[in-house]
Amino acid sequence: MSEANKGAGRGRPDGRRLDQLRPITITPDWLKSPEGSALVRAGDTWVICTASVEEKVPPWMRAQGVSGGWVTAEYAMLPRSTGTRSGRGPNGRGKEIERLIGRALRASIDLSALGARCITVDCDVLQADGGTRTAAITGGFVALAIACRRLAAAQKLANPIRDSIAAVSVGIIGGEARLDLPYAEDVEAEVDMNVVMTGSGRLVEVQGTGEKGTFDRAQLDALVDLATGGIRELAALQQAAIAAAKA
């Protein structure tokens, strides 16, 4: 990353450096009932993630004779997680985010080693200030990994986790590439991007849009580089949270 992108920029709302994550904590075992759970706080975005294990696979897998297991996700925002009340029913945005979370988490796991099980990762946004889908992926992986570790400890399977998965937003505002956008920056971004990556640095998904203009290859590379640094930090936090979870 260039030295210019390491500075304070033209004034981020919270005073962070351009390459700095919001203050983030991942608290494992936030709930006692699920096989795995974690509360993620990324600035003022708070997401509770739970992993629930069922000893069966979805009907479509049985009908098609597909072996192994499955990981899926559901996502929802509490009605007052934002400035105005929203309804509880499903919407197109929520369904799109669910599919993203599910794809991301399945990239972390050997489904054939999961056995005939389905793990549903529920991601519920308690408070939203940008980056809810990326926080959901980051916390969802922690909940999933804790659940799989407990299955392995119960000698139901060998731990099927292959690599960690985390996600972060990046964007361009006033010509500057910035990491981990809160809502105030997200709405002003000329370019908005979500990057999903493994702990070993392999890309899972890149969702980038020129919201208020186009961007070139050099800017794309700069954004991915910025996200890579952020995800490296998130992966370390994930591993610490998983290690701190109860056996």
Protein backbone atom coordinates (compact mmCIF):
# COMPACT_ATOMS: atom_id res chain seq x y z
CA MET A 1 0.00 0.00 0.00
CA SER A 2 1.25 3.48 -0.80
CA GLU A 3 2.21 5.83 2.03
CA ALA A 4 -0.62 8.12 0.93
CA ASN A 5 -3.14 5.41 1.74
CA LYS A 6 -1.74 4.99 5.24
CA GLY A 7 -2.49 8.54 6.34
CA ALA A 8 -5.48 10.06 8.05
CA GLY A 9 -7.11 11.03 4.78
CA ARG A 10 -9.30 14.08 4.38
CA GLY A 11 -11.15 13.45 7.60
CA ARG A 12 -12.92 10.17 8.25
CA PRO A 13 -16.00 10.60 10.45
CA ASP A 14 -14.35 8.67 13.30
CA GLY A 15 -10.79 9.88 12.74
CA ARG A 16 -9.39 6.53 11.62
CA ARG A 17 -6.52 6.02 9.19
CA LEU A 18 -7.50 5.03 5.66
CA ASP A 19 -6.27 1.46 6.26
CA GLN A 20 -7.68 1.05 9.77
CA LEU A 21 -10.59 -1.18 10.81
CA ARG A 22 -13.27 0.13 13.11
CA PRO A 23 -12.86 -1.05 16.72
CA ILE A 24 -13.99 -4.67 16.55
CA THR A 25 -14.66 -7.33 19.13
CA ILE A 26 -15.84 -10.92 18.63
CA THR A 27 -17.37 -12.46 21.74
CA PRO A 28 -17.88 -16.25 21.52
CA ASP A 29 -20.65 -18.18 23.30
CA TRP A 30 -22.91 -15.13 23.46
CA LEU A 31 -25.91 -17.44 23.68
CA LYS A 32 -26.00 -20.72 25.62
CA SER A 33 -28.40 -22.78 23.49
CA PRO A 34 -26.82 -22.91 19.99
CA GLU A 35 -23.98 -25.26 19.16
CA GLY A 36 -21.97 -22.16 18.27
CA SER A 37 -22.54 -18.42 18.69
CA ALA A 38 -20.69 -15.12 18.55
CA LEU A 39 -21.50 -11.45 18.93
CA VAL A 40 -19.58 -9.20 16.54
CA ARG A 41 -19.23 -5.49 17.25
CA ALA A 42 -17.63 -3.53 14.42
CA GLY A 43 -17.95 0.09 15.46
CA ASP A 44 -21.68 0.70 15.80
CA THR A 45 -22.62 -2.36 13.76
CA TRP A 46 -23.54 -5.25 16.05
CA VAL A 47 -24.49 -8.70 14.73
CA ILE A 48 -25.34 -11.84 16.70
CA CYS A 49 -24.47 -15.05 14.83
CA THR A 50 -25.59 -18.54 15.82
CA ALA A 51 -24.86 -21.97 14.32
CA SER A 52 -27.52 -24.67 14.73
CA VAL A 53 -26.77 -28.31 13.88
CA GLU A 54 -29.43 -30.66 12.54
CA GLU A 55 -28.77 -34.38 12.08
CA LYS A 56 -30.32 -34.36 8.62
CA VAL A 57 -29.80 -32.74 5.24
CA PRO A 58 -32.23 -30.59 3.24
CA PRO A 59 -34.87 -32.47 1.23
CA TRP A 60 -33.33 -31.42 -2.10
CA MET A 61 -30.08 -33.21 -1.17
CA ARG A 62 -31.95 -36.42 -0.35
CA ALA A 63 -34.00 -36.16 -3.55
CA GLN A 64 -30.89 -35.71 -5.69
CA GLY A 65 -28.86 -38.31 -3.83
CA VAL A 66 -26.19 -35.77 -2.88
CA SER A 67 -23.84 -37.10 -0.20
CA GLY A 68 -22.24 -35.12 2.61
CA GLY A 69 -23.72 -32.22 4.50
CA TRP A 70 -24.79 -28.62 3.96
CA VAL A 71 -24.26 -25.17 5.42
CA THR A 72 -26.82 -22.45 4.88
CA ALA A 73 -27.49 -18.99 6.32
CA GLU A 74 -30.33 -16.68 7.24
CA TYR A 75 -30.01 -12.93 7.76
CA ALA A 76 -32.33 -10.38 9.30
CA MET A 77 -32.24 -6.87 10.72
CA LEU A 78 -34.16 -6.04 13.87
CA PRO A 79 -36.91 -3.49 13.17
CA ARG A 80 -35.04 -0.67 14.95
CA SER A 81 -31.49 -1.62 14.08
CA THR A 82 -31.50 1.53 11.91
CA GLY A 83 -32.83 5.06 12.32
CA THR A 84 -36.35 4.16 11.23
CA ARG A 85 -38.39 1.04 11.89
CA SER A 86 -38.36 -1.63 9.21
CA GLY A 87 -40.68 -4.60 8.85
CA ARG A 88 -39.82 -8.10 10.03
CA GLY A 89 -40.74 -9.87 6.81
CA PRO A 90 -38.19 -11.08 4.22
CA ASN A 91 -37.12 -8.76 1.41
CA GLY A 92 -34.98 -8.99 -1.69
CA ARG A 93 -31.92 -7.38 -0.09
CA GLY A 94 -32.02 -9.77 2.85
CA LYS A 95 -32.31 -12.81 0.59
CA GLU A 96 -29.35 -11.65 -1.50
CA ILE A 97 -27.26 -11.21 1.66
CA GLU A 98 -28.30 -14.66 2.92
CA ARG A 99 -27.03 -16.23 -0.29
CA LEU A 100 -23.74 -14.35 0.01
CA ILE A 101 -23.22 -15.48 3.61
CA GLY A 102 -24.05 -19.08 2.73
CA ARG A 103 -21.64 -19.14 -0.23
CA ALA A 104 -18.89 -17.62 1.90
CA LEU A 105 -19.27 -20.06 4.78
CA ARG A 106 -19.44 -23.11 2.51
CA ALA A 107 -16.04 -22.12 1.15
CA SER A 108 -14.59 -22.69 4.63
CA ILE A 109 -15.76 -26.26 5.14
CA ASP A 110 -15.39 -29.73 3.67
CA LEU A 111 -19.05 -30.59 3.18
CA SER A 112 -18.28 -34.24 2.48
CA ALA A 113 -16.65 -34.51 5.93
CA LEU A 114 -19.67 -32.95 7.64
CA GLY A 115 -21.71 -36.11 7.26
CA ALA A 116 -25.47 -36.09 6.79
CA ARG A 117 -25.89 -32.86 8.73
CA CYS A 118 -27.09 -29.35 8.02
CA ILE A 119 -25.71 -26.35 9.89
CA THR A 120 -27.80 -23.19 9.71
CA VAL A 121 -26.01 -19.97 10.56
CA ASP A 122 -28.43 -17.22 11.63
CA CYS A 123 -27.14 -13.65 11.47
CA ASP A 124 -29.32 -11.07 13.21
CA VAL A 125 -28.37 -7.41 13.06
CA LEU A 126 -28.95 -5.74 16.41
CA GLN A 127 -27.62 -2.35 15.31
CA ALA A 128 -26.59 -1.24 11.83
CA ASP A 129 -23.99 1.33 10.83
CA GLY A 130 -22.68 -0.09 7.56
CA GLY A 131 -20.96 -3.37 6.84
CA THR A 132 -23.67 -5.64 8.24
CA ARG A 133 -23.14 -8.36 5.63
CA THR A 134 -19.38 -8.42 6.11
CA ALA A 135 -19.73 -8.50 9.90
CA ALA A 136 -22.24 -11.34 9.50
CA ILE A 137 -19.76 -13.40 7.46
CA THR A 138 -16.93 -12.73 9.90
CA GLY A 139 -19.01 -13.62 12.96
CA GLY A 140 -20.87 -16.40 11.16
CA PHE A 141 -17.62 -18.21 10.56
CA VAL A 142 -16.74 -18.05 14.25
CA ALA A 143 -20.12 -19.54 15.21
CA LEU A 144 -19.73 -22.24 12.53
CA ALA A 145 -16.18 -23.13 13.59
CA ILE A 146 -17.17 -23.41 17.25
CA ALA A 147 -20.07 -25.72 16.35
CA CYS A 148 -17.81 -27.93 14.22
CA ARG A 149 -15.16 -28.09 16.93
CA ARG A 150 -17.79 -29.30 19.38
CA LEU A 151 -19.01 -31.95 16.94
CA ALA A 152 -15.43 -33.14 16.62
CA ALA A 153 -14.95 -33.13 20.40
CA ALA A 154 -18.05 -35.33 20.70
CA GLN A 155 -16.37 -37.68 18.23
CA LYS A 156 -19.18 -37.29 15.71
CA LEU A 157 -16.75 -36.32 12.95
CA ALA A 158 -13.28 -35.01 12.20
CA ASN A 159 -13.27 -31.22 12.23
CA PRO A 160 -14.34 -30.28 8.66
CA ILE A 161 -13.13 -26.65 8.73
CA ARG A 162 -10.53 -26.12 5.98
CA ASP A 163 -9.77 -22.41 6.41
CA SER A 164 -11.19 -19.33 8.06
CA ILE A 165 -13.43 -16.91 6.16
CA ALA A 166 -13.81 -13.19 6.84
CA ALA A 167 -15.12 -10.19 4.96
CA VAL A 168 -14.72 -6.43 4.96
CA SER A 169 -15.95 -3.45 3.01
CA VAL A 170 -13.72 -1.02 1.14
CA GLY A 171 -14.51 2.00 -0.96
CA ILE A 172 -13.31 5.14 -2.68
CA ILE A 173 -14.40 8.51 -1.30
CA GLY A 174 -12.99 11.73 -2.67
CA GLY A 175 -10.46 9.69 -4.62
CA GLU A 176 -9.18 7.93 -1.47
CA ALA A 177 -9.34 4.18 -0.90
CA ARG A 178 -10.73 3.51 2.57
CA LEU A 179 -11.17 0.36 4.66
CA ASP A 180 -14.26 -0.73 6.59
CA LEU A 181 -16.86 1.89 5.74
CA PRO A 182 -19.48 3.00 8.28
CA TYR A 183 -22.83 4.18 6.92
CA ALA A 184 -21.77 7.84 6.67
CA GLU A 185 -18.95 6.87 4.30
CA ASP A 186 -20.86 4.15 2.49
CA VAL A 187 -23.52 6.57 1.24
CA GLU A 188 -20.85 8.96 -0.07
CA ALA A 189 -18.67 6.36 -1.78
CA GLU A 190 -17.88 6.69 -5.46
CA VAL A 191 -16.92 3.00 -5.41
CA ASP A 192 -18.28 0.50 -2.90
CA MET A 193 -16.88 -3.04 -2.56
CA ASN A 194 -17.24 -6.06 -0.29
CA VAL A 195 -14.38 -8.55 -0.24
CA VAL A 196 -14.64 -12.09 1.15
CA MET A 197 -11.37 -13.94 1.67
CA THR A 198 -9.89 -16.96 3.42
CA GLY A 199 -7.41 -16.66 6.25
CA SER A 200 -4.71 -17.91 3.88
CA GLY A 201 -5.43 -15.03 1.51
CA ARG A 202 -7.52 -16.67 -1.22
CA LEU A 203 -10.46 -14.72 -2.61
CA VAL A 204 -13.96 -16.14 -2.22
CA GLU A 205 -16.05 -13.27 -3.55
CA VAL A 206 -15.60 -9.65 -4.62
CA GLN A 207 -18.69 -7.45 -4.97
CA GLY A 208 -17.71 -4.07 -6.38
CA THR A 209 -19.82 -1.29 -7.85
CA GLY A 210 -19.03 2.12 -9.25
CA GLU A 211 -21.84 3.87 -7.40
CA LYS A 212 -21.02 7.35 -8.70
CA GLY A 213 -18.62 6.68 -11.53
CA THR A 214 -16.18 4.18 -12.93
CA PHE A 215 -12.90 2.88 -11.52
CA ASP A 216 -9.78 1.50 -13.14
CA ARG A 217 -7.70 -1.63 -12.60
CA ALA A 218 -5.17 0.17 -10.40
CA GLN A 219 -7.95 1.34 -8.08
CA LEU A 220 -9.43 -2.17 -8.01
CA ASP A 221 -6.06 -3.61 -7.02
CA ALA A 222 -5.62 -0.95 -4.33
CA LEU A 223 -9.02 -1.80 -2.85
CA VAL A 224 -8.31 -5.53 -2.79
CA ASP A 225 -4.91 -4.87 -1.19
CA LEU A 226 -6.60 -2.73 1.46
CA ALA A 227 -9.18 -5.45 2.14
CA THR A 228 -6.44 -8.09 2.37
CA GLY A 229 -4.77 -6.23 5.23
CA GLY A 230 -8.05 -5.83 7.06
CA ILE A 231 -9.01 -9.48 6.64
CA ARG A 232 -5.62 -10.55 7.97
CA GLU A 233 -6.46 -8.69 11.19
CA LEU A 234 -9.98 -10.13 11.30
CA ALA A 235 -8.65 -13.68 10.87
CA ALA A 236 -6.45 -13.24 13.95
CA LEU A 237 -9.43 -11.98 15.96
CA GLN A 238 -11.52 -14.93 14.76
CA GLN A 239 -8.94 -17.47 15.84
CA ALA A 240 -8.65 -15.85 19.27
CA ALA A 241 -12.44 -15.94 19.69
CA ILE A 242 -12.67 -19.60 18.64
CA ALA A 243 -9.86 -20.52 21.04
CA ALA A 244 -11.65 -18.67 23.87
CA ALA A 245 -14.94 -20.54 23.35
CA LYS A 246 -15.88 -23.21 25.84
CA ALA A 247 -14.77 -26.73 24.92
